[in-house]
Amino acid sequence: MKNHYTLENLRRAINNPVLFGREALRLGSLPIHRVYGGYLEYKYEDGIDVMDEDWDNLIVLDACRYDYFEELNTLDGALRREVSKGKKSWEFIRDNFTDRELYDTVYVTANPFSTDIEEGTFHDIDHLHMNRWDGDIGTVQPEEVVEAAVEAHEKYPNKRLIVHFMQPQRPYLGEMADRLRERVDLQGYGNHDEGIQIWGAVKQREITVDEIRTAYTESLQIVLESVEQLLAEVDGKSVITADHGEMLGERLLPGTTRVWGHMEGFSTPTLRGVPWLQIDSENRRDMVAEEPVGQSEFDDDTVSDRLAALGYR
């Protein structure tokens, strides 16, 4: 088995769906997923270093797929597909931000993994999951992110600004998401531990594939409206991207099971391929690097609850 899956054999098999499908049926979905994911890690290598790119405002949408963004985005700009450094949030944060002195940058984030960033990395971090959390839904609403980002921009007009929205990552927003919550007791919503994870509800056929894709679409539409509002409030060159994509029930290879979310532990083209929308501006900011401000202590139980509500536990 080990000798069979050489890199050269993998290259040939990746381009031969019949061969991969036959192997998937023989070995079962998990092993072939792992092999495929391992090959993609090799293929994609490190991905784009977002801090080395030219921008004043980097807007990060959590778990935003390139194909859905391309279809739904109405903002003017140059769109291309880039490879993210991570297939999940912490990998993106770790591989772009850690072990660096980003003293000309302020990070406004709704993602709880920001609490794992070493103090002194950025000039300042606003951890919105600690001070703007919506306990009824179990996330940070996009309008709260916009408000906090505008405040940070006004407070630090000579800093690069990273704004990390939590959407379209679950728990979803919108009419379909509301209907699903009424029908199914979903774990994490409202910070309770009972119920079922949303992917489990799909697998048990309490939620259809079309319904979850509709909920994802509506959540992305909602956050894009907030992004447009934010861009009207901040000056400078902006880039809209994602930390990673999201699997919405696709079969990676013929004969394999559907894959959901982004916590399976292996790469896919959908998870690593992210949008990179560049919106140019003649009004650029002059950035100044200054010593970091002090950060508050965090309650580990609260952070853990936030991660659980977002499906990370």
Foldseek 3Di string as FASTA:
>chain_A
DVVCLDLVNLVVVLVPQVNLQVVCQVPPFPVSLASNLVSVCVVQPQWDQVVPDDWQEEEAAAQAWAVLCVVQDDDDFDKDKTFARDLHQLSNCCSRFAPAQAQQEEEEEFALSVVVHDPRRYQYYHHCVVPQADLQFLTHALLNLLVVQLVVCVVRVQGRYYGYHHPPQPPFDDDLSVVLVVQFVDALRSLDHDGHHPVVCCVVVVADLVSVVVRRSVRVNRNSVSVVVSPVRHDIKYKYKYNWHWFSQDAQGNNHGTDGGRPSPGDDCRGGIMMIGIDGDPDHHNTDGDGHDDDDDDDPVSSVSSCVSSPND
